[in-house]
Each structure stands twice: as structure tokens, then as C-alpha cells.
Amino acid sequence: MWSTEDVAKAYKFRWRIEIIFKTWKSHFSLAKLVDNQGLSRIQVESTIFLVLLFIIMVQLPLFHYYCERLLKKKEIC
């Protein structure tokens, strides 16, 4: 069983993840990249994977930076 504080912390991180996915969806326009272009399944999957790889390469350093800041404040990362 989780305490109410643990639930609040977990929800706080879940909400951050939701915001990240919403940002990716809005700013990287994955649907527009593959919509109505007559691409094969492999081309669509490759495009999505390449965009996600790019996102990871850009986002990971930011994640580590903020993670270190949270650890300094003694919050869970």
C-alpha cells in the first residue's frame, strides 16, 4: 500500500510523462510525417523510430540535468 504522499509523488511524475508525450505529439507532428504519403509500413515505422531516436538524443541530456537538480532537493528522480 502506498501512502497519500507516495501516490501524490507518483501522480506528479506520471503527469510529467503525459506532458512530455503531448509535447512530442504537438511539436514533432508524427502523424503529418506519415499521413497520406503512400509510404509502406516499414517506411512509416522507420520514420517514427528515427524521430523518437532524435527526441531521445535531445531529451536525455535535459532529463539528466533536471534529475540532478531534483536529487539535490532530495526528491525522487
PDB file of N, CA and C in Angstrom:
ATOM      1  N   MET A   1       0.837  -1.195   0.000  1.00  0.00           N
ATOM      2  CA  MET A   1       0.000   0.000   0.000  1.00  0.00           C
ATOM      3  C   MET A   1       0.876   1.251   0.000  1.00  0.00           C
ATOM      4  N   TRP A   2       0.440   2.221  -0.737  1.00  0.00           N
ATOM      5  CA  TRP A   2       1.156   3.493  -0.808  1.00  0.00           C
ATOM      6  C   TRP A   2       0.508   4.497   0.130  1.00  0.00           C
ATOM      7  N   SER A   3       1.320   5.343   0.679  1.00  0.00           N
ATOM      8  CA  SER A   3       0.788   6.449   1.474  1.00  0.00           C
ATOM      9  C   SER A   3       0.248   7.505   0.508  1.00  0.00           C
ATOM     10  N   THR A   4      -0.496   8.442   1.033  1.00  0.00           N
ATOM     11  CA  THR A   4      -1.031   9.508   0.171  1.00  0.00           C
ATOM     12  C   THR A   4       0.102  10.344  -0.425  1.00  0.00           C
ATOM     13  N   GLU A   5       1.192  10.499   0.317  1.00  0.00           N
ATOM     14  CA  GLU A   5       2.342  11.237  -0.206  1.00  0.00           C
ATOM     15  C   GLU A   5       2.974  10.505  -1.390  1.00  0.00           C
ATOM     16  N   ASP A   6       3.097   9.167  -1.276  1.00  0.00           N
ATOM     17  CA  ASP A   6       3.659   8.374  -2.367  1.00  0.00           C
ATOM     18  C   ASP A   6       2.777   8.435  -3.611  1.00  0.00           C
ATOM     19  N   VAL A   7       1.480   8.389  -3.413  1.00  0.00           N
ATOM     20  CA  VAL A   7       0.544   8.486  -4.538  1.00  0.00           C
ATOM     21  C   VAL A   7       0.683   9.853  -5.206  1.00  0.00           C
ATOM     22  N   ALA A   8       0.781  10.902  -4.403  1.00  0.00           N
ATOM     23  CA  ALA A   8       0.919  12.254  -4.955  1.00  0.00           C
ATOM     24  C   ALA A   8       2.216  12.378  -5.755  1.00  0.00           C
ATOM     25  N   LYS A   9       3.319  11.829  -5.237  1.00  0.00           N
ATOM     26  CA  LYS A   9       4.593  11.882  -5.956  1.00  0.00           C
ATOM     27  C   LYS A   9       4.513  11.093  -7.265  1.00  0.00           C
ATOM     28  N   ALA A  10       3.921   9.906  -7.204  1.00  0.00           N
ATOM     29  CA  ALA A  10       3.795   9.081  -8.410  1.00  0.00           C
ATOM     30  C   ALA A  10       2.941   9.787  -9.457  1.00  0.00           C
ATOM     31  N   TYR A  11       1.855  10.404  -9.041  1.00  0.00           N
ATOM     32  CA  TYR A  11       0.983  11.106  -9.979  1.00  0.00           C
ATOM     33  C   TYR A  11       1.702  12.304 -10.578  1.00  0.00           C
ATOM     34  N   LYS A  12       2.511  12.965  -9.756  1.00  0.00           N
ATOM     35  CA  LYS A  12       3.277  14.110 -10.236  1.00  0.00           C
ATOM     36  C   LYS A  12       4.207  13.684 -11.371  1.00  0.00           C
ATOM     37  N   PHE A  13       4.898  12.550 -11.220  1.00  0.00           N
ATOM     38  CA  PHE A  13       5.782  12.059 -12.276  1.00  0.00           C
ATOM     39  C   PHE A  13       4.991  11.564 -13.473  1.00  0.00           C
ATOM     40  N   ARG A  14       3.861  10.935 -13.225  1.00  0.00           N
ATOM     41  CA  ARG A  14       3.013  10.468 -14.330  1.00  0.00           C
ATOM     42  C   ARG A  14       2.554  11.661 -15.161  1.00  0.00           C
ATOM     43  N   TRP A  15       2.187  12.731 -14.486  1.00  0.00           N
ATOM     44  CA  TRP A  15       1.730  13.919 -15.187  1.00  0.00           C
ATOM     45  C   TRP A  15       2.852  14.497 -16.040  1.00  0.00           C
ATOM     46  N   ARG A  16       4.083  14.487 -15.543  1.00  0.00           N
ATOM     47  CA  ARG A  16       5.219  14.968 -16.326  1.00  0.00           C
ATOM     48  C   ARG A  16       5.393  14.143 -17.593  1.00  0.00           C
ATOM     49  N   ILE A  17       5.233  12.833 -17.467  1.00  0.00           N
ATOM     50  CA  ILE A  17       5.350  11.956 -18.628  1.00  0.00           C
ATOM     51  C   ILE A  17       4.263  12.278 -19.645  1.00  0.00           C
ATOM     52  N   GLU A  18       3.049  12.510 -19.177  1.00  0.00           N
ATOM     53  CA  GLU A  18       1.950  12.871 -20.079  1.00  0.00           C
ATOM     54  C   GLU A  18       2.256  14.166 -20.824  1.00  0.00           C
ATOM     55  N   ILE A  19       2.817  15.135 -20.133  1.00  0.00           N
ATOM     56  CA  ILE A  19       3.171  16.411 -20.753  1.00  0.00           C
ATOM     57  C   ILE A  19       4.250  16.199 -21.820  1.00  0.00           C
ATOM     58  N   ILE A  20       5.223  15.342 -21.511  1.00  0.00           N
ATOM     59  CA  ILE A  20       6.279  15.050 -22.485  1.00  0.00           C
ATOM     60  C   ILE A  20       5.682  14.450 -23.751  1.00  0.00           C
ATOM     61  N   PHE A  21       4.808  13.451 -23.602  1.00  0.00           N
ATOM     62  CA  PHE A  21       4.203  12.827 -24.779  1.00  0.00           C
ATOM     63  C   PHE A  21       3.342  13.809 -25.558  1.00  0.00           C
ATOM     64  N   LYS A  22       2.621  14.671 -24.848  1.00  0.00           N
ATOM     65  CA  LYS A  22       1.793  15.665 -25.528  1.00  0.00           C
ATOM     66  C   LYS A  22       2.674  16.635 -26.317  1.00  0.00           C
ATOM     67  N   THR A  23       3.801  17.016 -25.734  1.00  0.00           N
ATOM     68  CA  THR A  23       4.732  17.903 -26.415  1.00  0.00           C
ATOM     69  C   THR A  23       5.282  17.246 -27.670  1.00  0.00           C
ATOM     70  N   TRP A  24       5.679  15.982 -27.540  1.00  0.00           N
ATOM     71  CA  TRP A  24       6.185  15.256 -28.708  1.00  0.00           C
ATOM     72  C   TRP A  24       5.142  15.209 -29.804  1.00  0.00           C
ATOM     73  N   LYS A  25       3.913  14.898 -29.408  1.00  0.00           N
ATOM     74  CA  LYS A  25       2.836  14.775 -30.392  1.00  0.00           C
ATOM     75  C   LYS A  25       2.584  16.111 -31.092  1.00  0.00           C
ATOM     76  N   SER A  26       2.606  17.191 -30.328  1.00  0.00           N
ATOM     77  CA  SER A  26       2.318  18.508 -30.890  1.00  0.00           C
ATOM     78  C   SER A  26       3.457  19.054 -31.738  1.00  0.00           C
ATOM     79  N   HIS A  27       4.673  18.973 -31.224  1.00  0.00           N
ATOM     80  CA  HIS A  27       5.792  19.648 -31.869  1.00  0.00           C
ATOM     81  C   HIS A  27       6.498  18.823 -32.945  1.00  0.00           C
ATOM     82  N   PHE A  28       6.428  17.519 -32.840  1.00  0.00           N
ATOM     83  CA  PHE A  28       7.113  16.703 -33.831  1.00  0.00           C
ATOM     84  C   PHE A  28       6.167  16.187 -34.914  1.00  0.00           C
ATOM     85  N   SER A  29       4.889  16.375 -34.755  1.00  0.00           N
ATOM     86  CA  SER A  29       3.882  16.066 -35.772  1.00  0.00           C
ATOM     87  C   SER A  29       4.117  14.728 -36.458  1.00  0.00           C
ATOM     88  N   LEU A  30       4.207  13.671 -35.670  1.00  0.00           N
ATOM     89  CA  LEU A  30       4.451  12.342 -36.239  1.00  0.00           C
ATOM     90  C   LEU A  30       3.378  11.947 -37.239  1.00  0.00           C
ATOM     91  N   ALA A  31       2.138  12.284 -36.941  1.00  0.00           N
ATOM     92  CA  ALA A  31       1.051  11.905 -37.844  1.00  0.00           C
ATOM     93  C   ALA A  31       1.221  12.565 -39.212  1.00  0.00           C
ATOM     94  N   LYS A  32       1.657  13.813 -39.227  1.00  0.00           N
ATOM     95  CA  LYS A  32       1.834  14.523 -40.501  1.00  0.00           C
ATOM     96  C   LYS A  32       3.001  13.965 -41.305  1.00  0.00           C
ATOM     97  N   LEU A  33       4.001  13.413 -40.618  1.00  0.00           N
ATOM     98  CA  LEU A  33       5.149  12.855 -41.330  1.00  0.00           C
ATOM     99  C   LEU A  33       4.777  11.668 -42.201  1.00  0.00           C
ATOM    100  N   VAL A  34       3.792  10.914 -41.760  1.00  0.00           N
ATOM    101  CA  VAL A  34       3.471   9.668 -42.463  1.00  0.00           C
ATOM    102  C   VAL A  34       2.062   9.648 -43.044  1.00  0.00           C
ATOM    103  N   ASP A  35       1.334  10.710 -42.913  1.00  0.00           N
ATOM    104  CA  ASP A  35      -0.065  10.752 -43.339  1.00  0.00           C
ATOM    105  C   ASP A  35      -0.186  10.927 -44.852  1.00  0.00           C
ATOM    106  N   ASN A  36      -0.921  10.023 -45.484  1.00  0.00           N
ATOM    107  CA  ASN A  36      -1.277  10.124 -46.906  1.00  0.00           C
ATOM    108  C   ASN A  36      -0.087  10.327 -47.848  1.00  0.00           C
ATOM    109  N   GLN A  37       1.000   9.695 -47.574  1.00  0.00           N
ATOM    110  CA  GLN A  37       2.152   9.818 -48.460  1.00  0.00           C
ATOM    111  C   GLN A  37       2.432   8.519 -49.210  1.00  0.00           C
ATOM    112  N   GLY A  38       1.582   7.537 -49.051  1.00  0.00           N
ATOM    113  CA  GLY A  38       1.758   6.281 -49.747  1.00  0.00           C
ATOM    114  C   GLY A  38       2.987   5.508 -49.293  1.00  0.00           C
ATOM    115  N   LEU A  39       3.359   5.692 -48.063  1.00  0.00           N
ATOM    116  CA  LEU A  39       4.544   5.019 -47.543  1.00  0.00           C
ATOM    117  C   LEU A  39       4.206   3.593 -47.111  1.00  0.00           C
ATOM    118  N   SER A  40       5.181   2.730 -47.227  1.00  0.00           N
ATOM    119  CA  SER A  40       4.994   1.349 -46.766  1.00  0.00           C
ATOM    120  C   SER A  40       5.059   1.310 -45.242  1.00  0.00           C
ATOM    121  N   ARG A  41       4.660   0.216 -44.694  1.00  0.00           N
ATOM    122  CA  ARG A  41       4.690   0.033 -43.229  1.00  0.00           C
ATOM    123  C   ARG A  41       6.117   0.200 -42.705  1.00  0.00           C
ATOM    124  N   ILE A  42       7.077  -0.344 -43.409  1.00  0.00           N
ATOM    125  CA  ILE A  42       8.480  -0.253 -42.988  1.00  0.00           C
ATOM    126  C   ILE A  42       8.956   1.202 -43.011  1.00  0.00           C
ATOM    127  N   GLN A  43       8.555   1.952 -44.022  1.00  0.00           N
ATOM    128  CA  GLN A  43       8.944   3.357 -44.098  1.00  0.00           C
ATOM    129  C   GLN A  43       8.321   4.164 -42.961  1.00  0.00           C
ATOM    130  N   VAL A  44       7.068   3.882 -42.656  1.00  0.00           N
ATOM    131  CA  VAL A  44       6.386   4.576 -41.554  1.00  0.00           C
ATOM    132  C   VAL A  44       7.076   4.257 -40.229  1.00  0.00           C
ATOM    133  N   GLU A  45       7.330   2.976 -39.981  1.00  0.00           N
ATOM    134  CA  GLU A  45       7.979   2.585 -38.725  1.00  0.00           C
ATOM    135  C   GLU A  45       9.380   3.173 -38.630  1.00  0.00           C
ATOM    136  N   SER A  46      10.114   3.163 -39.729  1.00  0.00           N
ATOM    137  CA  SER A  46      11.467   3.729 -39.725  1.00  0.00           C
ATOM    138  C   SER A  46      11.434   5.216 -39.407  1.00  0.00           C
ATOM    139  N   THR A  47      10.496   5.927 -40.012  1.00  0.00           N
ATOM    140  CA  THR A  47      10.365   7.361 -39.759  1.00  0.00           C
ATOM    141  C   THR A  47      10.050   7.621 -38.297  1.00  0.00           C
ATOM    142  N   ILE A  48       9.111   6.878 -37.747  1.00  0.00           N
ATOM    143  CA  ILE A  48       8.743   7.055 -36.336  1.00  0.00           C
ATOM    144  C   ILE A  48       9.939   6.751 -35.435  1.00  0.00           C
ATOM    145  N   PHE A  49      10.644   5.656 -35.702  1.00  0.00           N
ATOM    146  CA  PHE A  49      11.798   5.301 -34.876  1.00  0.00           C
ATOM    147  C   PHE A  49      12.901   6.356 -34.963  1.00  0.00           C
ATOM    148  N   LEU A  50      13.134   6.896 -36.158  1.00  0.00           N
ATOM    149  CA  LEU A  50      14.156   7.930 -36.297  1.00  0.00           C
ATOM    150  C   LEU A  50      13.779   9.200 -35.544  1.00  0.00           C
ATOM    151  N   VAL A  51      12.526   9.589 -35.607  1.00  0.00           N
ATOM    152  CA  VAL A  51      12.082  10.765 -34.866  1.00  0.00           C
ATOM    153  C   VAL A  51      12.200  10.516 -33.363  1.00  0.00           C
ATOM    154  N   LEU A  52      11.796   9.331 -32.905  1.00  0.00           N
ATOM    155  CA  LEU A  52      11.924   9.014 -31.482  1.00  0.00           C
ATOM    156  C   LEU A  52      13.390   8.971 -31.050  1.00  0.00           C
ATOM    157  N   LEU A  53      14.261   8.469 -31.896  1.00  0.00           N
ATOM    158  CA  LEU A  53      15.690   8.460 -31.593  1.00  0.00           C
ATOM    159  C   LEU A  53      16.213   9.890 -31.451  1.00  0.00           C
ATOM    160  N   PHE A  54      15.798  10.748 -32.357  1.00  0.00           N
ATOM    161  CA  PHE A  54      16.182  12.159 -32.272  1.00  0.00           C
ATOM    162  C   PHE A  54      15.687  12.776 -30.970  1.00  0.00           C
ATOM    163  N   ILE A  55      14.450  12.496 -30.624  1.00  0.00           N
ATOM    164  CA  ILE A  55      13.881  13.038 -29.388  1.00  0.00           C
ATOM    165  C   ILE A  55      14.703  12.570 -28.189  1.00  0.00           C
ATOM    166  N   ILE A  56      15.046  11.295 -28.165  1.00  0.00           N
ATOM    167  CA  ILE A  56      15.826  10.753 -27.054  1.00  0.00           C
ATOM    168  C   ILE A  56      17.189  11.439 -26.975  1.00  0.00           C
ATOM    169  N   MET A  57      17.821  11.625 -28.112  1.00  0.00           N
ATOM    170  CA  MET A  57      19.147  12.251 -28.118  1.00  0.00           C
ATOM    171  C   MET A  57      19.088  13.688 -27.610  1.00  0.00           C
ATOM    172  N   VAL A  58      18.002  14.371 -27.867  1.00  0.00           N
ATOM    173  CA  VAL A  58      17.854  15.749 -27.415  1.00  0.00           C
ATOM    174  C   VAL A  58      17.364  15.797 -25.962  1.00  0.00           C
ATOM    175  N   GLN A  59      16.432  14.935 -25.617  1.00  0.00           N
ATOM    176  CA  GLN A  59      15.801  14.989 -24.307  1.00  0.00           C
ATOM    177  C   GLN A  59      16.643  14.383 -23.187  1.00  0.00           C
ATOM    178  N   LEU A  60      17.460  13.389 -23.483  1.00  0.00           N
ATOM    179  CA  LEU A  60      18.203  12.694 -22.443  1.00  0.00           C
ATOM    180  C   LEU A  60      19.136  13.620 -21.662  1.00  0.00           C
ATOM    181  N   PRO A  61      19.918  14.473 -22.321  1.00  0.00           N
ATOM    182  CA  PRO A  61      20.746  15.403 -21.536  1.00  0.00           C
ATOM    183  C   PRO A  61      19.910  16.326 -20.646  1.00  0.00           C
ATOM    184  N   LEU A  62      18.764  16.763 -21.150  1.00  0.00           N
ATOM    185  CA  LEU A  62      17.878  17.596 -20.331  1.00  0.00           C
ATOM    186  C   LEU A  62      17.346  16.825 -19.131  1.00  0.00           C
ATOM    187  N   PHE A  63      16.978  15.560 -19.360  1.00  0.00           N
ATOM    188  CA  PHE A  63      16.480  14.728 -18.270  1.00  0.00           C
ATOM    189  C   PHE A  63      17.542  14.591 -17.187  1.00  0.00           C
ATOM    190  N   HIS A  64      18.775  14.313 -17.580  1.00  0.00           N
ATOM    191  CA  HIS A  64      19.850  14.148 -16.599  1.00  0.00           C
ATOM    192  C   HIS A  64      20.103  15.439 -15.828  1.00  0.00           C
ATOM    193  N   TYR A  65      20.038  16.559 -16.507  1.00  0.00           N
ATOM    194  CA  TYR A  65      20.216  17.849 -15.844  1.00  0.00           C
ATOM    195  C   TYR A  65      19.149  18.056 -14.769  1.00  0.00           C
ATOM    196  N   TYR A  66      17.889  17.852 -15.131  1.00  0.00           N
ATOM    197  CA  TYR A  66      16.811  18.061 -14.164  1.00  0.00           C
ATOM    198  C   TYR A  66      16.810  16.985 -13.087  1.00  0.00           C
ATOM    199  N   CYS A  67      17.225  15.796 -13.437  1.00  0.00           N
ATOM    200  CA  CYS A  67      17.315  14.723 -12.458  1.00  0.00           C
ATOM    201  C   CYS A  67      18.326  15.090 -11.375  1.00  0.00           C
ATOM    202  N   GLU A  68      19.472  15.608 -11.780  1.00  0.00           N
ATOM    203  CA  GLU A  68      20.477  16.032 -10.805  1.00  0.00           C
ATOM    204  C   GLU A  68      19.943  17.146  -9.909  1.00  0.00           C
ATOM    205  N   ARG A  69      19.204  18.066 -10.487  1.00  0.00           N
ATOM    206  CA  ARG A  69      18.615  19.148  -9.682  1.00  0.00           C
ATOM    207  C   ARG A  69      17.623  18.597  -8.669  1.00  0.00           C
ATOM    208  N   LEU A  70      16.815  17.615  -9.095  1.00  0.00           N
ATOM    209  CA  LEU A  70      15.855  17.014  -8.173  1.00  0.00           C
ATOM    210  C   LEU A  70      16.555  16.256  -7.057  1.00  0.00           C
ATOM    211  N   LEU A  71      17.636  15.561  -7.396  1.00  0.00           N
ATOM    212  CA  LEU A  71      18.374  14.829  -6.372  1.00  0.00           C
ATOM    213  C   LEU A  71      18.985  15.767  -5.347  1.00  0.00           C
ATOM    214  N   LYS A  72      19.406  16.938  -5.782  1.00  0.00           N
ATOM    215  CA  LYS A  72      19.947  17.921  -4.852  1.00  0.00           C
ATOM    216  C   LYS A  72      18.871  18.407  -3.895  1.00  0.00           C
ATOM    217  N   LYS A  73      17.620  18.417  -4.357  1.00  0.00           N
ATOM    218  CA  LYS A  73      16.500  18.797  -3.500  1.00  0.00           C
ATOM    219  C   LYS A  73      15.948  17.620  -2.720  1.00  0.00           C
ATOM    220  N   LYS A  74      16.582  16.445  -2.924  1.00  0.00           N
ATOM    221  CA  LYS A  74      16.201  15.200  -2.249  1.00  0.00           C
ATOM    222  C   LYS A  74      14.820  14.709  -2.650  1.00  0.00           C
ATOM    223  N   GLU A  75      14.453  14.966  -3.889  1.00  0.00           N
ATOM    224  CA  GLU A  75      13.224  14.409  -4.435  1.00  0.00           C
ATOM    225  C   GLU A  75      13.595  13.170  -5.228  1.00  0.00           C
ATOM    226  N   ILE A  76      12.629  12.311  -5.443  1.00  0.00           N
ATOM    227  CA  ILE A  76      12.868  11.100  -6.209  1.00  0.00           C
ATOM    228  C   ILE A  76      13.050  11.450  -7.671  1.00  0.00           C
ATOM    229  N   CYS A  77      13.988  10.770  -8.325  1.00  0.00           N
ATOM    230  CA  CYS A  77      14.205  11.011  -9.753  1.00  0.00           C
ATOM    231  C   CYS A  77      13.821   9.782 -10.531  1.00  0.00           C
TER     232      CYS A  77
END
